Amino acid sequence: MKKEKVLKKKVKRKTGKQSSSDTRMQIIEAAKKLFADKGFHQTTVVDISKSIGLSEAALYEYFKGKEDLLLEIPDLWISELLEDLENHLFGIKGAENKLRKYLWWYLRRIELSPLDAKVVYLNLKTNAKFLKTDVYLNVKTLYYYPVSIISEGIKNGELRADLDPQAARDIFISTMDHLVTCWLLNDMSYPLFENIETIFSIIVNGFRCE
């Protein structure tokens, strides 16, 4: 009987133990929330570790510091966006329809993940080190989609022949990012899709064949 009780206790301890990957994910989620709520510069490593009941020393076993954490946060989100975008664009015909879908899809994903959006737009985009990360390569891939869509529209005669795909993409993405940044800076106090039809029409009217 005594032996059986000891075995039960051992099993209980084993199942209650948190894996290293779980702890790492817990740290990332805690940092994401604090960066979004307080800002990167106002958040300390102590704030992050305390919020999940870890010691500061334990946190440093997983990350070099809060900047390392900041650069890690968008990795999973951006990867999910790339996979999701492929699914949403599948089967859609026409450049204008694809651009519309891209814009509506992207803004909807921002609405669904405001913490990730806040970290990326209000904390990460101004960090020069972000440009050297693998995650940034995925961001470039995500932002290249409109270039290929616009190029397709030019080729099939749907969009102006003299349209520069890169320049047109920059107008499209810059407008989209401006909408997101303003919405986040205003604490999401109004609908993100406000006036989106008018804004999209203005952009696309400049791209269309006359």
Protein backbone atom coordinates (compact mmCIF):
# COMPACT_ATOMS: atom_id res chain seq x y z
CA MET A 1 0.00 0.00 0.00
CA LYS A 2 2.78 2.42 0.94
CA LYS A 3 4.56 1.69 -2.33
CA GLU A 4 1.34 2.40 -4.26
CA LYS A 5 0.94 5.81 -2.56
CA VAL A 6 4.50 6.78 -3.41
CA LEU A 7 3.92 5.86 -7.06
CA LYS A 8 0.75 7.96 -7.18
CA LYS A 9 2.60 10.96 -5.77
CA LYS A 10 5.36 10.58 -8.33
CA VAL A 11 2.86 10.43 -11.18
CA LYS A 12 1.10 13.52 -9.90
CA ARG A 13 4.33 15.50 -9.77
CA LYS A 14 5.26 14.40 -13.28
CA THR A 15 1.93 15.37 -14.88
CA GLY A 16 1.89 18.74 -13.11
CA LYS A 17 5.31 19.71 -14.43
CA GLN A 18 5.31 22.41 -17.10
CA SER A 19 7.41 21.81 -20.20
CA SER A 20 10.11 24.20 -21.32
CA SER A 21 8.14 25.11 -24.47
CA ASP A 22 5.03 25.85 -22.37
CA THR A 23 7.00 28.18 -20.12
CA ARG A 24 8.54 29.90 -23.13
CA MET A 25 5.08 30.45 -24.64
CA GLN A 26 3.77 31.73 -21.31
CA ILE A 27 6.59 34.30 -21.17
CA ILE A 28 5.87 35.44 -24.75
CA GLU A 29 2.13 35.86 -24.04
CA ALA A 30 2.84 37.81 -20.82
CA ALA A 31 5.32 40.09 -22.59
CA LYS A 32 2.91 40.65 -25.46
CA LYS A 33 0.17 41.82 -23.11
CA LEU A 34 2.49 44.11 -21.13
CA PHE A 35 4.10 45.61 -24.24
CA ALA A 36 0.64 46.27 -25.68
CA ASP A 37 -0.72 47.78 -22.44
CA LYS A 38 2.30 49.70 -21.11
CA GLY A 39 4.58 50.01 -24.11
CA PHE A 40 7.98 48.41 -24.66
CA HIS A 41 10.07 51.06 -22.90
CA GLN A 42 7.83 51.20 -19.82
CA THR A 43 7.86 47.41 -19.36
CA THR A 44 10.68 45.76 -17.43
CA VAL A 45 11.89 42.17 -17.29
CA VAL A 46 10.77 42.13 -13.66
CA ASP A 47 7.22 43.11 -14.73
CA ILE A 48 7.12 40.21 -17.18
CA SER A 49 8.55 37.61 -14.80
CA LYS A 50 6.32 38.69 -11.90
CA SER A 51 3.17 38.54 -14.02
CA ILE A 52 3.63 34.77 -14.51
CA GLY A 53 5.27 33.92 -11.18
CA LEU A 54 8.78 33.40 -12.52
CA SER A 55 11.99 34.74 -11.09
CA GLU A 56 13.94 37.22 -13.20
CA ALA A 57 16.82 34.72 -13.39
CA ALA A 58 14.47 32.01 -14.68
CA LEU A 59 13.22 34.28 -17.48
CA TYR A 60 16.80 34.89 -18.62
CA GLU A 61 17.16 31.14 -19.15
CA TYR A 62 14.72 31.51 -22.07
CA PHE A 63 15.42 35.00 -23.42
CA LYS A 64 18.39 37.37 -23.39
CA GLY A 65 16.19 40.30 -22.39
CA LYS A 66 13.03 42.18 -23.27
CA GLU A 67 14.29 43.21 -26.73
CA ASP A 68 14.88 39.55 -27.55
CA LEU A 69 11.29 38.92 -26.46
CA LEU A 70 9.97 41.80 -28.55
CA LEU A 71 11.59 40.39 -31.68
CA GLU A 72 10.19 36.92 -30.93
CA ILE A 73 6.52 37.90 -30.44
CA PRO A 74 5.41 38.35 -34.09
CA ASP A 75 6.98 35.11 -35.33
CA LEU A 76 3.97 32.83 -34.82
CA TRP A 77 1.42 35.50 -35.77
CA ILE A 78 3.06 36.39 -39.09
CA SER A 79 3.48 32.70 -39.99
CA GLU A 80 -0.24 32.14 -39.31
CA LEU A 81 -1.11 35.17 -41.46
CA LEU A 82 0.83 33.81 -44.43
CA GLU A 83 -0.87 30.44 -44.23
CA ASP A 84 -4.31 32.00 -43.75
CA LEU A 85 -3.86 34.41 -46.67
CA GLU A 86 -3.17 31.57 -49.10
CA ASN A 87 -6.46 29.96 -48.08
CA HIS A 88 -8.45 33.18 -48.39
CA LEU A 89 -7.12 34.11 -51.84
CA PHE A 90 -7.63 30.62 -53.22
CA GLY A 91 -10.11 30.59 -56.10
CA ILE A 92 -10.61 34.38 -56.29
CA LYS A 93 -10.49 35.73 -59.86
CA GLY A 94 -9.43 39.22 -60.89
CA ALA A 95 -6.86 41.63 -59.47
CA GLU A 96 -9.41 44.06 -58.03
CA ASN A 97 -11.25 41.27 -56.23
CA LYS A 98 -7.97 39.94 -54.84
CA LEU A 99 -6.87 43.38 -53.61
CA ARG A 100 -10.27 43.86 -51.96
CA LYS A 101 -10.00 40.47 -50.28
CA TYR A 102 -6.45 41.17 -49.13
CA LEU A 103 -7.45 44.47 -47.53
CA TRP A 104 -10.62 43.19 -45.85
CA TRP A 105 -8.87 40.01 -44.69
CA TYR A 106 -5.88 41.88 -43.26
CA LEU A 107 -7.97 44.41 -41.34
CA ARG A 108 -10.13 41.60 -39.97
CA ARG A 109 -7.04 39.75 -38.73
CA ILE A 110 -5.88 42.94 -37.03
CA GLU A 111 -9.27 43.20 -35.29
CA LEU A 112 -8.97 39.60 -34.10
CA SER A 113 -5.40 40.00 -32.77
CA PRO A 114 -5.15 43.53 -31.33
CA LEU A 115 -2.31 42.65 -28.92
CA ASP A 116 -0.11 41.29 -31.72
CA ALA A 117 -1.00 44.31 -33.86
CA LYS A 118 -0.12 46.75 -31.07
CA VAL A 119 3.24 45.13 -30.47
CA VAL A 120 4.13 45.06 -34.18
CA TYR A 121 2.80 48.49 -35.18
CA LEU A 122 3.51 50.57 -32.07
CA ASN A 123 6.66 48.90 -30.72
CA LEU A 124 8.40 46.75 -33.31
CA LYS A 125 8.28 48.65 -36.60
CA THR A 126 10.52 51.38 -35.17
CA ASN A 127 13.15 48.85 -34.05
CA ALA A 128 16.01 48.66 -36.57
CA LYS A 129 16.99 45.17 -35.39
CA PHE A 130 13.61 43.85 -36.57
CA LEU A 131 14.75 44.36 -40.19
CA LYS A 132 17.47 41.75 -39.66
CA THR A 133 15.24 39.00 -38.29
CA ASP A 134 13.78 35.96 -40.07
CA VAL A 135 10.33 37.23 -39.11
CA TYR A 136 10.87 40.35 -41.21
CA LEU A 137 11.46 38.13 -44.26
CA ASN A 138 7.96 36.74 -43.70
CA VAL A 139 6.59 40.29 -43.42
CA LYS A 140 8.20 41.10 -46.77
CA THR A 141 6.56 37.99 -48.24
CA LEU A 142 3.20 39.06 -46.83
CA TYR A 143 3.60 42.54 -48.33
CA TYR A 144 4.74 41.14 -51.68
CA TYR A 145 1.34 39.62 -52.43
CA PRO A 146 -0.14 42.94 -53.67
CA VAL A 147 2.81 43.30 -56.07
CA SER A 148 2.02 39.96 -57.73
CA ILE A 149 -1.73 40.75 -57.72
CA ILE A 150 -1.16 44.15 -59.37
CA SER A 151 1.27 42.62 -61.90
CA GLU A 152 -1.40 40.06 -62.78
CA GLY A 153 -3.95 42.87 -63.25
CA ILE A 154 -1.62 44.75 -65.60
CA LYS A 155 -0.94 41.60 -67.61
CA ASN A 156 -4.63 40.75 -68.10
CA GLY A 157 -5.58 44.35 -68.95
CA GLU A 158 -7.61 44.95 -65.81
CA LEU A 159 -5.18 47.58 -64.49
CA ARG A 160 -3.29 50.39 -66.24
CA ALA A 161 -0.38 49.30 -68.42
CA ASP A 162 1.81 52.17 -67.16
CA LEU A 163 1.27 51.23 -63.51
CA ASP A 164 4.42 50.44 -61.54
CA PRO A 165 3.55 47.37 -59.41
CA GLN A 166 6.00 48.29 -56.63
CA ALA A 167 4.83 51.90 -56.40
CA ALA A 168 1.17 50.83 -56.53
CA ARG A 169 1.84 48.29 -53.77
CA ASP A 170 3.48 50.99 -51.64
CA ILE A 171 0.37 53.19 -51.96
CA PHE A 172 -1.89 50.25 -51.08
CA ILE A 173 0.14 49.00 -48.09
CA SER A 174 0.93 52.49 -46.76
CA THR A 175 -2.78 53.34 -46.74
CA MET A 176 -3.59 50.06 -45.02
CA ASP A 177 -0.86 50.54 -42.39
CA HIS A 178 -1.97 54.12 -41.79
CA LEU A 179 -5.53 52.93 -41.09
CA VAL A 180 -4.26 50.33 -38.63
CA THR A 181 -1.83 52.67 -36.84
CA CYS A 182 -4.45 55.41 -36.37
CA TRP A 183 -6.96 52.87 -35.07
CA LEU A 184 -4.47 51.48 -32.53
CA LEU A 185 -3.28 54.94 -31.41
CA ASN A 186 -6.91 55.89 -30.78
CA ASP A 187 -7.36 52.83 -28.53
CA MET A 188 -9.59 51.09 -31.10
CA SER A 189 -12.37 53.54 -30.20
CA TYR A 190 -14.06 53.41 -33.62
CA PRO A 191 -14.75 50.71 -36.24
CA LEU A 192 -11.61 49.77 -38.17
CA PHE A 193 -13.70 49.32 -41.32
CA GLU A 194 -15.09 52.86 -41.14
CA ASN A 195 -15.06 54.44 -44.65
CA ILE A 196 -13.15 51.45 -46.03
CA GLU A 197 -15.30 51.21 -49.17
CA THR A 198 -14.58 54.84 -50.05
CA ILE A 199 -10.86 54.46 -49.35
CA PHE A 200 -10.61 51.27 -51.42
CA SER A 201 -12.47 52.88 -54.33
CA ILE A 202 -10.11 55.87 -54.37
CA ILE A 203 -7.07 53.56 -54.51
CA VAL A 204 -8.44 51.18 -57.14
CA ASN A 205 -9.78 54.00 -59.34
CA GLY A 206 -6.20 55.18 -59.67
CA PHE A 207 -5.09 51.69 -60.72
CA ARG A 208 -7.83 50.87 -63.24
CA CYS A 209 -7.60 51.19 -66.99
CA GLU A 210 -9.39 54.31 -68.23
